[in-house]
Amino acid sequence: MSSKLVYSTETGKICPQCQHPINDCHCNNETPLGSGKVKVMYETKGRKGKGATLITELALDSKELTKLAKELKAKCATGGTVKEGVIEIQGDHRDKILAILLSKKITAKKSGG
């Protein structure tokens, strides 16, 4: 079984295809930002009491994340954004988002309070 380097303290994350640092990737493929263990949580911290539903650890590249965020915002009829690989949807829409992700064959679970 061959082992592949995934992280180096010297260069950071390593591309799994070309084995170069992510910033110097030679295969021109954008690597997914998350681990694939999708969590859907509701958070009010840092939003002046207004809550947002956060979807974290999605194993999608930035284009796919933006596309999914747009679809979720439309189906929840609310605003939202994508920040650092996390989709933020305004309001508490955990159950609806879990159902949408399940219909797309993305396994997710509720996390937090």
PDB file of N, CA and C in Angstrom:
ATOM      1  N   MET A   1       0.846  -1.177   0.000  1.00  0.00           N
ATOM      2  CA  MET A   1       0.000   0.000   0.000  1.00  0.00           C
ATOM      3  C   MET A   1       0.890   1.238   0.000  1.00  0.00           C
ATOM      4  N   SER A   2       0.716   2.096  -0.962  1.00  0.00           N
ATOM      5  CA  SER A   2       1.550   3.288  -1.044  1.00  0.00           C
ATOM      6  C   SER A   2       0.919   4.414  -0.241  1.00  0.00           C
ATOM      7  N   SER A   3       1.758   5.172   0.452  1.00  0.00           N
ATOM      8  CA  SER A   3       1.242   6.298   1.231  1.00  0.00           C
ATOM      9  C   SER A   3       1.515   7.583   0.474  1.00  0.00           C
ATOM     10  N   LYS A   4       0.558   8.491   0.557  1.00  0.00           N
ATOM     11  CA  LYS A   4       0.696   9.770  -0.125  1.00  0.00           C
ATOM     12  C   LYS A   4       0.694  10.880   0.910  1.00  0.00           C
ATOM     13  N   LEU A   5       1.526  11.862   0.694  1.00  0.00           N
ATOM     14  CA  LEU A   5       1.617  13.013   1.570  1.00  0.00           C
ATOM     15  C   LEU A   5       0.386  13.891   1.377  1.00  0.00           C
ATOM     16  N   VAL A   6      -0.296  14.264   2.467  1.00  0.00           N
ATOM     17  CA  VAL A   6      -1.464  15.129   2.365  1.00  0.00           C
ATOM     18  C   VAL A   6      -1.238  16.495   3.001  1.00  0.00           C
ATOM     19  N   TYR A   7      -0.224  16.594   3.861  1.00  0.00           N
ATOM     20  CA  TYR A   7       0.068  17.868   4.515  1.00  0.00           C
ATOM     21  C   TYR A   7       1.539  17.914   4.870  1.00  0.00           C
ATOM     22  N   SER A   8       2.118  19.070   4.697  1.00  0.00           N
ATOM     23  CA  SER A   8       3.501  19.284   5.083  1.00  0.00           C
ATOM     24  C   SER A   8       3.563  20.562   5.909  1.00  0.00           C
ATOM     25  N   THR A   9       4.276  20.532   7.021  1.00  0.00           N
ATOM     26  CA  THR A   9       4.378  21.738   7.846  1.00  0.00           C
ATOM     27  C   THR A   9       5.125  22.842   7.107  1.00  0.00           C
ATOM     28  N   GLU A  10       5.900  22.457   6.131  1.00  0.00           N
ATOM     29  CA  GLU A  10       6.668  23.433   5.365  1.00  0.00           C
ATOM     30  C   GLU A  10       5.803  24.148   4.320  1.00  0.00           C
ATOM     31  N   THR A  11       4.923  23.406   3.630  1.00  0.00           N
ATOM     32  CA  THR A  11       4.158  23.993   2.521  1.00  0.00           C
ATOM     33  C   THR A  11       2.652  24.003   2.747  1.00  0.00           C
ATOM     34  N   GLY A  12       2.129  23.296   3.751  1.00  0.00           N
ATOM     35  CA  GLY A  12       0.686  23.248   3.994  1.00  0.00           C
ATOM     36  C   GLY A  12       0.044  22.083   3.270  1.00  0.00           C
ATOM     37  N   LYS A  13      -1.221  22.267   2.837  1.00  0.00           N
ATOM     38  CA  LYS A  13      -1.954  21.192   2.160  1.00  0.00           C
ATOM     39  C   LYS A  13      -1.284  20.788   0.855  1.00  0.00           C
ATOM     40  N   ILE A  14      -1.349  19.502   0.549  1.00  0.00           N
ATOM     41  CA  ILE A  14      -0.756  18.940  -0.660  1.00  0.00           C
ATOM     42  C   ILE A  14      -1.880  18.425  -1.556  1.00  0.00           C
ATOM     43  N   CYS A  15      -1.798  18.703  -2.851  1.00  0.00           N
ATOM     44  CA  CYS A  15      -2.786  18.217  -3.812  1.00  0.00           C
ATOM     45  C   CYS A  15      -2.680  16.698  -3.921  1.00  0.00           C
ATOM     46  N   PRO A  16      -3.806  15.981  -3.784  1.00  0.00           N
ATOM     47  CA  PRO A  16      -3.732  14.516  -3.844  1.00  0.00           C
ATOM     48  C   PRO A  16      -3.393  13.970  -5.231  1.00  0.00           C
ATOM     49  N   GLN A  17      -3.662  14.717  -6.294  1.00  0.00           N
ATOM     50  CA  GLN A  17      -3.384  14.231  -7.645  1.00  0.00           C
ATOM     51  C   GLN A  17      -1.917  14.419  -8.030  1.00  0.00           C
ATOM     52  N   CYS A  18      -1.425  15.658  -7.916  1.00  0.00           N
ATOM     53  CA  CYS A  18      -0.079  15.937  -8.429  1.00  0.00           C
ATOM     54  C   CYS A  18       0.995  15.987  -7.344  1.00  0.00           C
ATOM     55  N   GLN A  19       0.602  15.884  -6.063  1.00  0.00           N
ATOM     56  CA  GLN A  19       1.532  15.882  -4.935  1.00  0.00           C
ATOM     57  C   GLN A  19       2.353  17.169  -4.813  1.00  0.00           C
ATOM     58  N   HIS A  20       1.815  18.287  -5.306  1.00  0.00           N
ATOM     59  CA  HIS A  20       2.442  19.593  -5.127  1.00  0.00           C
ATOM     60  C   HIS A  20       1.623  20.387  -4.117  1.00  0.00           C
ATOM     61  N   PRO A  21       2.208  21.445  -3.517  1.00  0.00           N
ATOM     62  CA  PRO A  21       1.419  22.278  -2.604  1.00  0.00           C
ATOM     63  C   PRO A  21       0.181  22.829  -3.319  1.00  0.00           C
ATOM     64  N   ILE A  22      -0.927  22.988  -2.580  1.00  0.00           N
ATOM     65  CA  ILE A  22      -2.189  23.453  -3.159  1.00  0.00           C
ATOM     66  C   ILE A  22      -1.996  24.763  -3.918  1.00  0.00           C
ATOM     67  N   ASN A  23      -1.189  25.677  -3.376  1.00  0.00           N
ATOM     68  CA  ASN A  23      -0.965  26.965  -4.035  1.00  0.00           C
ATOM     69  C   ASN A  23      -0.184  26.842  -5.335  1.00  0.00           C
ATOM     70  N   ASP A  24       0.509  25.708  -5.515  1.00  0.00           N
ATOM     71  CA  ASP A  24       1.328  25.491  -6.701  1.00  0.00           C
ATOM     72  C   ASP A  24       0.885  24.225  -7.432  1.00  0.00           C
ATOM     73  N   CYS A  25      -0.426  23.953  -7.409  1.00  0.00           N
ATOM     74  CA  CYS A  25      -0.977  22.732  -7.988  1.00  0.00           C
ATOM     75  C   CYS A  25      -0.787  22.723  -9.505  1.00  0.00           C
ATOM     76  N   HIS A  26      -0.310  21.588 -10.047  1.00  0.00           N
ATOM     77  CA  HIS A  26      -0.051  21.461 -11.479  1.00  0.00           C
ATOM     78  C   HIS A  26      -1.190  20.809 -12.251  1.00  0.00           C
ATOM     79  N   CYS A  27      -2.154  20.236 -11.547  1.00  0.00           N
ATOM     80  CA  CYS A  27      -3.222  19.521 -12.250  1.00  0.00           C
ATOM     81  C   CYS A  27      -4.428  20.426 -12.536  1.00  0.00           C
ATOM     82  N   ASN A  28      -4.402  21.658 -12.077  1.00  0.00           N
ATOM     83  CA  ASN A  28      -5.455  22.649 -12.326  1.00  0.00           C
ATOM     84  C   ASN A  28      -6.836  22.197 -11.879  1.00  0.00           C
ATOM     85  N   ASN A  29      -6.897  21.221 -10.996  1.00  0.00           N
ATOM     86  CA  ASN A  29      -8.169  20.803 -10.412  1.00  0.00           C
ATOM     87  C   ASN A  29      -8.310  21.476  -9.062  1.00  0.00           C
ATOM     88  N   GLU A  30      -9.469  22.042  -8.816  1.00  0.00           N
ATOM     89  CA  GLU A  30      -9.694  22.658  -7.522  1.00  0.00           C
ATOM     90  C   GLU A  30     -10.057  21.558  -6.537  1.00  0.00           C
ATOM     91  N   THR A  31      -9.344  21.498  -5.417  1.00  0.00           N
ATOM     92  CA  THR A  31      -9.607  20.458  -4.438  1.00  0.00           C
ATOM     93  C   THR A  31     -10.767  20.864  -3.546  1.00  0.00           C
ATOM     94  N   PRO A  32     -11.549  19.906  -3.093  1.00  0.00           N
ATOM     95  CA  PRO A  32     -12.666  20.204  -2.197  1.00  0.00           C
ATOM     96  C   PRO A  32     -12.184  20.833  -0.902  1.00  0.00           C
ATOM     97  N   LEU A  33     -13.015  21.694  -0.332  1.00  0.00           N
ATOM     98  CA  LEU A  33     -12.643  22.412   0.874  1.00  0.00           C
ATOM     99  C   LEU A  33     -12.958  21.629   2.142  1.00  0.00           C
ATOM    100  N   GLY A  34     -13.965  20.770   2.125  1.00  0.00           N
ATOM    101  CA  GLY A  34     -14.395  20.063   3.330  1.00  0.00           C
ATOM    102  C   GLY A  34     -14.024  18.598   3.323  1.00  0.00           C
ATOM    103  N   SER A  35     -14.318  17.936   4.444  1.00  0.00           N
ATOM    104  CA  SER A  35     -13.971  16.527   4.594  1.00  0.00           C
ATOM    105  C   SER A  35     -15.056  15.593   4.080  1.00  0.00           C
ATOM    106  N   GLY A  36     -16.278  16.101   3.909  1.00  0.00           N
ATOM    107  CA  GLY A  36     -17.368  15.265   3.449  1.00  0.00           C
ATOM    108  C   GLY A  36     -18.299  14.831   4.574  1.00  0.00           C
ATOM    109  N   LYS A  37     -17.936  15.105   5.823  1.00  0.00           N
ATOM    110  CA  LYS A  37     -18.801  14.814   6.976  1.00  0.00           C
ATOM    111  C   LYS A  37     -19.655  16.052   7.219  1.00  0.00           C
ATOM    112  N   VAL A  38     -20.717  16.180   6.442  1.00  0.00           N
ATOM    113  CA  VAL A  38     -21.513  17.407   6.397  1.00  0.00           C
ATOM    114  C   VAL A  38     -22.309  17.592   7.684  1.00  0.00           C
ATOM    115  N   LYS A  39     -22.209  18.811   8.230  1.00  0.00           N
ATOM    116  CA  LYS A  39     -22.937  19.177   9.438  1.00  0.00           C
ATOM    117  C   LYS A  39     -23.792  20.390   9.138  1.00  0.00           C
ATOM    118  N   VAL A  40     -25.046  20.351   9.622  1.00  0.00           N
ATOM    119  CA  VAL A  40     -25.971  21.466   9.463  1.00  0.00           C
ATOM    120  C   VAL A  40     -26.281  21.969  10.867  1.00  0.00           C
ATOM    121  N   MET A  41     -25.935  23.225  11.151  1.00  0.00           N
ATOM    122  CA  MET A  41     -26.141  23.758  12.497  1.00  0.00           C
ATOM    123  C   MET A  41     -26.735  25.160  12.453  1.00  0.00           C
ATOM    124  N   TYR A  42     -27.333  25.541  13.554  1.00  0.00           N
ATOM    125  CA  TYR A  42     -27.928  26.867  13.694  1.00  0.00           C
ATOM    126  C   TYR A  42     -27.072  27.655  14.672  1.00  0.00           C
ATOM    127  N   GLU A  43     -26.718  28.871  14.303  1.00  0.00           N
ATOM    128  CA  GLU A  43     -25.830  29.669  15.138  1.00  0.00           C
ATOM    129  C   GLU A  43     -26.279  31.120  15.160  1.00  0.00           C
ATOM    130  N   THR A  44     -26.219  31.751  16.348  1.00  0.00           N
ATOM    131  CA  THR A  44     -26.540  33.175  16.475  1.00  0.00           C
ATOM    132  C   THR A  44     -25.325  33.982  16.896  1.00  0.00           C
ATOM    133  N   LYS A  45     -24.265  33.315  17.268  1.00  0.00           N
ATOM    134  CA  LYS A  45     -23.066  33.986  17.770  1.00  0.00           C
ATOM    135  C   LYS A  45     -22.470  34.932  16.721  1.00  0.00           C
ATOM    136  N   GLY A  46     -22.222  36.162  17.117  1.00  0.00           N
ATOM    137  CA  GLY A  46     -21.580  37.131  16.234  1.00  0.00           C
ATOM    138  C   GLY A  46     -22.498  37.733  15.191  1.00  0.00           C
ATOM    139  N   ARG A  47     -23.808  37.571  15.373  1.00  0.00           N
ATOM    140  CA  ARG A  47     -24.764  38.089  14.380  1.00  0.00           C
ATOM    141  C   ARG A  47     -25.799  39.002  15.015  1.00  0.00           C
ATOM    142  N   LYS A  48     -25.470  39.567  16.171  1.00  0.00           N
ATOM    143  CA  LYS A  48     -26.361  40.477  16.892  1.00  0.00           C
ATOM    144  C   LYS A  48     -27.726  39.850  17.148  1.00  0.00           C
ATOM    145  N   GLY A  49     -27.739  38.564  17.530  1.00  0.00           N
ATOM    146  CA  GLY A  49     -28.972  37.871  17.875  1.00  0.00           C
ATOM    147  C   GLY A  49     -29.714  37.254  16.711  1.00  0.00           C
ATOM    148  N   LYS A  50     -29.335  37.601  15.506  1.00  0.00           N
ATOM    149  CA  LYS A  50     -30.002  37.021  14.338  1.00  0.00           C
ATOM    150  C   LYS A  50     -29.300  35.716  13.983  1.00  0.00           C
ATOM    151  N   GLY A  51     -30.081  34.681  13.760  1.00  0.00           N
ATOM    152  CA  GLY A  51     -29.513  33.363  13.530  1.00  0.00           C
ATOM    153  C   GLY A  51     -29.265  33.057  12.068  1.00  0.00           C
ATOM    154  N   ALA A  52     -28.398  32.094  11.855  1.00  0.00           N
ATOM    155  CA  ALA A  52     -28.102  31.608  10.506  1.00  0.00           C
ATOM    156  C   ALA A  52     -27.877  30.104  10.576  1.00  0.00           C
ATOM    157  N   THR A  53     -28.283  29.421   9.533  1.00  0.00           N
ATOM    158  CA  THR A  53     -28.031  27.994   9.407  1.00  0.00           C
ATOM    159  C   THR A  53     -26.713  27.825   8.661  1.00  0.00           C
ATOM    160  N   LEU A  54     -25.786  27.075   9.254  1.00  0.00           N
ATOM    161  CA  LEU A  54     -24.471  26.857   8.656  1.00  0.00           C
ATOM    162  C   LEU A  54     -24.371  25.433   8.147  1.00  0.00           C
ATOM    163  N   ILE A  55     -23.860  25.275   6.928  1.00  0.00           N
ATOM    164  CA  ILE A  55     -23.612  23.956   6.355  1.00  0.00           C
ATOM    165  C   ILE A  55     -22.099  23.850   6.178  1.00  0.00           C
ATOM    166  N   THR A  56     -21.466  22.955   6.949  1.00  0.00           N
ATOM    167  CA  THR A  56     -20.009  22.859   6.946  1.00  0.00           C
ATOM    168  C   THR A  56     -19.537  21.503   6.433  1.00  0.00           C
ATOM    169  N   GLU A  57     -18.258  21.444   6.103  1.00  0.00           N
ATOM    170  CA  GLU A  57     -17.560  20.213   5.692  1.00  0.00           C
ATOM    171  C   GLU A  57     -18.077  19.600   4.397  1.00  0.00           C
ATOM    172  N   LEU A  58     -18.656  20.399   3.514  1.00  0.00           N
ATOM    173  CA  LEU A  58     -19.084  19.877   2.213  1.00  0.00           C
ATOM    174  C   LEU A  58     -17.852  19.609   1.360  1.00  0.00           C
ATOM    175  N   ALA A  59     -17.743  18.446   0.779  1.00  0.00           N
ATOM    176  CA  ALA A  59     -16.611  18.085  -0.065  1.00  0.00           C
ATOM    177  C   ALA A  59     -16.881  18.534  -1.499  1.00  0.00           C
ATOM    178  N   LEU A  60     -16.993  19.848  -1.691  1.00  0.00           N
ATOM    179  CA  LEU A  60     -17.251  20.442  -3.001  1.00  0.00           C
ATOM    180  C   LEU A  60     -16.240  21.548  -3.250  1.00  0.00           C
ATOM    181  N   ASP A  61     -15.939  21.805  -4.515  1.00  0.00           N
ATOM    182  CA  ASP A  61     -15.064  22.940  -4.811  1.00  0.00           C
ATOM    183  C   ASP A  61     -15.889  24.231  -4.739  1.00  0.00           C
ATOM    184  N   SER A  62     -15.238  25.372  -4.880  1.00  0.00           N
ATOM    185  CA  SER A  62     -15.911  26.658  -4.655  1.00  0.00           C
ATOM    186  C   SER A  62     -17.042  26.925  -5.645  1.00  0.00           C
ATOM    187  N   LYS A  63     -16.904  26.473  -6.892  1.00  0.00           N
ATOM    188  CA  LYS A  63     -17.980  26.680  -7.875  1.00  0.00           C
ATOM    189  C   LYS A  63     -19.221  25.886  -7.501  1.00  0.00           C
ATOM    190  N   GLU A  64     -19.023  24.619  -7.114  1.00  0.00           N
ATOM    191  CA  GLU A  64     -20.151  23.776  -6.722  1.00  0.00           C
ATOM    192  C   GLU A  64     -20.794  24.280  -5.429  1.00  0.00           C
ATOM    193  N   LEU A  65     -19.955  24.796  -4.492  1.00  0.00           N
ATOM    194  CA  LEU A  65     -20.475  25.356  -3.251  1.00  0.00           C
ATOM    195  C   LEU A  65     -21.385  26.548  -3.532  1.00  0.00           C
ATOM    196  N   THR A  66     -20.929  27.434  -4.418  1.00  0.00           N
ATOM    197  CA  THR A  66     -21.710  28.617  -4.768  1.00  0.00           C
ATOM    198  C   THR A  66     -23.022  28.212  -5.434  1.00  0.00           C
ATOM    199  N   LYS A  67     -22.974  27.218  -6.303  1.00  0.00           N
ATOM    200  CA  LYS A  67     -24.177  26.743  -6.988  1.00  0.00           C
ATOM    201  C   LYS A  67     -25.170  26.155  -5.989  1.00  0.00           C
ATOM    202  N   LEU A  68     -24.675  25.329  -5.047  1.00  0.00           N
ATOM    203  CA  LEU A  68     -25.536  24.742  -4.029  1.00  0.00           C
ATOM    204  C   LEU A  68     -26.119  25.820  -3.118  1.00  0.00           C
ATOM    205  N   ALA A  69     -25.303  26.801  -2.750  1.00  0.00           N
ATOM    206  CA  ALA A  69     -25.786  27.887  -1.892  1.00  0.00           C
ATOM    207  C   ALA A  69     -26.911  28.649  -2.577  1.00  0.00           C
ATOM    208  N   LYS A  70     -26.765  28.906  -3.856  1.00  0.00           N
ATOM    209  CA  LYS A  70     -27.799  29.625  -4.606  1.00  0.00           C
ATOM    210  C   LYS A  70     -29.109  28.833  -4.605  1.00  0.00           C
ATOM    211  N   GLU A  71     -29.004  27.518  -4.804  1.00  0.00           N
ATOM    212  CA  GLU A  71     -30.197  26.667  -4.807  1.00  0.00           C
ATOM    213  C   GLU A  71     -30.860  26.633  -3.427  1.00  0.00           C
ATOM    214  N   LEU A  72     -30.042  26.513  -2.373  1.00  0.00           N
ATOM    215  CA  LEU A  72     -30.589  26.477  -1.018  1.00  0.00           C
ATOM    216  C   LEU A  72     -31.275  27.795  -0.661  1.00  0.00           C
ATOM    217  N   LYS A  73     -30.669  28.904  -1.048  1.00  0.00           N
ATOM    218  CA  LYS A  73     -31.276  30.217  -0.778  1.00  0.00           C
ATOM    219  C   LYS A  73     -32.619  30.344  -1.480  1.00  0.00           C
ATOM    220  N   ALA A  74     -32.704  29.850  -2.708  1.00  0.00           N
ATOM    221  CA  ALA A  74     -33.956  29.937  -3.460  1.00  0.00           C
ATOM    222  C   ALA A  74     -35.036  29.057  -2.827  1.00  0.00           C
ATOM    223  N   LYS A  75     -34.663  27.832  -2.434  1.00  0.00           N
ATOM    224  CA  LYS A  75     -35.655  26.917  -1.862  1.00  0.00           C
ATOM    225  C   LYS A  75     -36.085  27.332  -0.459  1.00  0.00           C
ATOM    226  N   CYS A  76     -35.210  28.037   0.270  1.00  0.00           N
ATOM    227  CA  CYS A  76     -35.567  28.512   1.609  1.00  0.00           C
ATOM    228  C   CYS A  76     -36.141  29.924   1.557  1.00  0.00           C
ATOM    229  N   ALA A  77     -36.131  30.539   0.394  1.00  0.00           N
ATOM    230  CA  ALA A  77     -36.652  31.896   0.186  1.00  0.00           C
ATOM    231  C   ALA A  77     -36.025  32.893   1.153  1.00  0.00           C
ATOM    232  N   THR A  78     -34.702  32.879   1.213  1.00  0.00           N
ATOM    233  CA  THR A  78     -33.988  33.781   2.110  1.00  0.00           C
ATOM    234  C   THR A  78     -32.603  34.072   1.546  1.00  0.00           C
ATOM    235  N   GLY A  79     -31.866  34.904   2.224  1.00  0.00           N
ATOM    236  CA  GLY A  79     -30.521  35.269   1.789  1.00  0.00           C
ATOM    237  C   GLY A  79     -29.479  34.350   2.391  1.00  0.00           C
ATOM    238  N   GLY A  80     -28.253  34.546   1.968  1.00  0.00           N
ATOM    239  CA  GLY A  80     -27.156  33.749   2.496  1.00  0.00           C
ATOM    240  C   GLY A  80     -25.874  34.042   1.750  1.00  0.00           C
ATOM    241  N   THR A  81     -24.825  33.335   2.126  1.00  0.00           N
ATOM    242  CA  THR A  81     -23.522  33.548   1.510  1.00  0.00           C
ATOM    243  C   THR A  81     -22.658  32.300   1.684  1.00  0.00           C
ATOM    244  N   VAL A  82     -21.494  32.320   1.040  1.00  0.00           N
ATOM    245  CA  VAL A  82     -20.485  31.278   1.219  1.00  0.00           C
ATOM    246  C   VAL A  82     -19.237  31.963   1.746  1.00  0.00           C
ATOM    247  N   LYS A  83     -18.782  31.548   2.927  1.00  0.00           N
ATOM    248  CA  LYS A  83     -17.578  32.119   3.530  1.00  0.00           C
ATOM    249  C   LYS A  83     -16.643  30.997   3.935  1.00  0.00           C
ATOM    250  N   GLU A  84     -15.437  30.986   3.390  1.00  0.00           N
ATOM    251  CA  GLU A  84     -14.387  30.040   3.744  1.00  0.00           C
ATOM    252  C   GLU A  84     -14.864  28.589   3.716  1.00  0.00           C
ATOM    253  N   GLY A  85     -15.607  28.209   2.676  1.00  0.00           N
ATOM    254  CA  GLY A  85     -16.055  26.836   2.520  1.00  0.00           C
ATOM    255  C   GLY A  85     -17.287  26.471   3.328  1.00  0.00           C
ATOM    256  N   VAL A  86     -17.917  27.465   3.980  1.00  0.00           N
ATOM    257  CA  VAL A  86     -19.118  27.242   4.776  1.00  0.00           C
ATOM    258  C   VAL A  86     -20.272  28.008   4.147  1.00  0.00           C
ATOM    259  N   ILE A  87     -21.399  27.325   3.931  1.00  0.00           N
ATOM    260  CA  ILE A  87     -22.585  27.995   3.413  1.00  0.00           C
ATOM    261  C   ILE A  87     -23.380  28.517   4.600  1.00  0.00           C
ATOM    262  N   GLU A  88     -23.719  29.811   4.574  1.00  0.00           N
ATOM    263  CA  GLU A  88     -24.530  30.425   5.615  1.00  0.00           C
ATOM    264  C   GLU A  88     -25.863  30.829   5.007  1.00  0.00           C
ATOM    265  N   ILE A  89     -26.954  30.326   5.569  1.00  0.00           N
ATOM    266  CA  ILE A  89     -28.300  30.654   5.121  1.00  0.00           C
ATOM    267  C   ILE A  89     -28.986  31.390   6.272  1.00  0.00           C
ATOM    268  N   GLN A  90     -29.571  32.544   6.002  1.00  0.00           N
ATOM    269  CA  GLN A  90     -30.220  33.332   7.047  1.00  0.00           C
ATOM    270  C   GLN A  90     -31.444  32.613   7.589  1.00  0.00           C
ATOM    271  N   GLY A  91     -31.573  32.569   8.919  1.00  0.00           N
ATOM    272  CA  GLY A  91     -32.728  31.956   9.554  1.00  0.00           C
ATOM    273  C   GLY A  91     -32.478  30.500   9.908  1.00  0.00           C
ATOM    274  N   ASP A  92     -33.466  29.895  10.578  1.00  0.00           N
ATOM    275  CA  ASP A  92     -33.368  28.502  11.004  1.00  0.00           C
ATOM    276  C   ASP A  92     -34.077  27.608   9.990  1.00  0.00           C
ATOM    277  N   HIS A  93     -33.313  26.999   9.096  1.00  0.00           N
ATOM    278  CA  HIS A  93     -33.862  26.151   8.035  1.00  0.00           C
ATOM    279  C   HIS A  93     -33.210  24.771   8.052  1.00  0.00           C
ATOM    280  N   ARG A  94     -32.806  24.300   9.228  1.00  0.00           N
ATOM    281  CA  ARG A  94     -32.069  23.033   9.323  1.00  0.00           C
ATOM    282  C   ARG A  94     -32.829  21.857   8.720  1.00  0.00           C
ATOM    283  N   ASP A  95     -34.109  21.694   9.091  1.00  0.00           N
ATOM    284  CA  ASP A  95     -34.869  20.540   8.605  1.00  0.00           C
ATOM    285  C   ASP A  95     -35.044  20.570   7.091  1.00  0.00           C
ATOM    286  N   LYS A  96     -35.348  21.743   6.557  1.00  0.00           N
ATOM    287  CA  LYS A  96     -35.546  21.879   5.115  1.00  0.00           C
ATOM    288  C   LYS A  96     -34.235  21.608   4.358  1.00  0.00           C
ATOM    289  N   ILE A  97     -33.132  22.126   4.888  1.00  0.00           N
ATOM    290  CA  ILE A  97     -31.830  21.932   4.238  1.00  0.00           C
ATOM    291  C   ILE A  97     -31.403  20.471   4.304  1.00  0.00           C
ATOM    292  N   LEU A  98     -31.642  19.815   5.432  1.00  0.00           N
ATOM    293  CA  LEU A  98     -31.324  18.384   5.538  1.00  0.00           C
ATOM    294  C   LEU A  98     -32.088  17.579   4.492  1.00  0.00           C
ATOM    295  N   ALA A  99     -33.358  17.911   4.285  1.00  0.00           N
ATOM    296  CA  ALA A  99     -34.166  17.204   3.285  1.00  0.00           C
ATOM    297  C   ALA A  99     -33.639  17.459   1.872  1.00  0.00           C
ATOM    298  N   ILE A 100     -33.243  18.694   1.584  1.00  0.00           N
ATOM    299  CA  ILE A 100     -32.706  19.033   0.255  1.00  0.00           C
ATOM    300  C   ILE A 100     -31.396  18.289   0.012  1.00  0.00           C
ATOM    301  N   LEU A 101     -30.504  18.284   1.016  1.00  0.00           N
ATOM    302  CA  LEU A 101     -29.223  17.593   0.869  1.00  0.00           C
ATOM    303  C   LEU A 101     -29.428  16.090   0.693  1.00  0.00           C
ATOM    304  N   LEU A 102     -30.379  15.524   1.418  1.00  0.00           N
ATOM    305  CA  LEU A 102     -30.669  14.099   1.292  1.00  0.00           C
ATOM    306  C   LEU A 102     -31.176  13.761  -0.107  1.00  0.00           C
ATOM    307  N   SER A 103     -31.993  14.650  -0.689  1.00  0.00           N
ATOM    308  CA  SER A 103     -32.492  14.416  -2.044  1.00  0.00           C
ATOM    309  C   SER A 103     -31.368  14.483  -3.078  1.00  0.00           C
ATOM    310  N   LYS A 104     -30.265  15.150  -2.731  1.00  0.00           N
ATOM    311  CA  LYS A 104     -29.098  15.235  -3.612  1.00  0.00           C
ATOM    312  C   LYS A 104     -28.067  14.147  -3.288  1.00  0.00           C
ATOM    313  N   LYS A 105     -28.453  13.182  -2.453  1.00  0.00           N
ATOM    314  CA  LYS A 105     -27.577  12.071  -2.053  1.00  0.00           C
ATOM    315  C   LYS A 105     -26.356  12.556  -1.249  1.00  0.00           C
ATOM    316  N   ILE A 106     -26.511  13.655  -0.501  1.00  0.00           N
ATOM    317  CA  ILE A 106     -25.462  14.154   0.384  1.00  0.00           C
ATOM    318  C   ILE A 106     -25.885  13.812   1.803  1.00  0.00           C
ATOM    319  N   THR A 107     -25.099  12.975   2.483  1.00  0.00           N
ATOM    320  CA  THR A 107     -25.447  12.613   3.863  1.00  0.00           C
ATOM    321  C   THR A 107     -25.029  13.734   4.777  1.00  0.00           C
ATOM    322  N   ALA A 108     -25.958  14.197   5.603  1.00  0.00           N
ATOM    323  CA  ALA A 108     -25.678  15.284   6.533  1.00  0.00           C
ATOM    324  C   ALA A 108     -26.366  14.977   7.854  1.00  0.00           C
ATOM    325  N   LYS A 109     -25.877  15.628   8.911  1.00  0.00           N
ATOM    326  CA  LYS A 109     -26.536  15.461  10.191  1.00  0.00           C
ATOM    327  C   LYS A 109     -26.594  16.795  10.910  1.00  0.00           C
ATOM    328  N   LYS A 110     -27.606  16.910  11.802  1.00  0.00           N
ATOM    329  CA  LYS A 110     -27.746  18.109  12.615  1.00  0.00           C
ATOM    330  C   LYS A 110     -26.621  18.138  13.624  1.00  0.00           C
ATOM    331  N   SER A 111     -26.122  19.317  13.877  1.00  0.00           N
ATOM    332  CA  SER A 111     -25.035  19.465  14.818  1.00  0.00           C
ATOM    333  C   SER A 111     -25.321  20.664  15.712  1.00  0.00           C
ATOM    334  N   GLY A 112     -24.805  20.648  16.911  1.00  0.00           N
ATOM    335  CA  GLY A 112     -25.010  21.759  17.831  1.00  0.00           C
ATOM    336  C   GLY A 112     -26.368  21.709  18.488  1.00  0.00           C
ATOM    337  N   GLY A 113     -26.759  22.833  19.135  1.00  0.00           N
ATOM    338  CA  GLY A 113     -28.015  22.901  19.894  1.00  0.00           C
ATOM    339  C   GLY A 113     -29.167  22.966  19.049  1.00  0.00           C
TER     340      GLY A 113
END
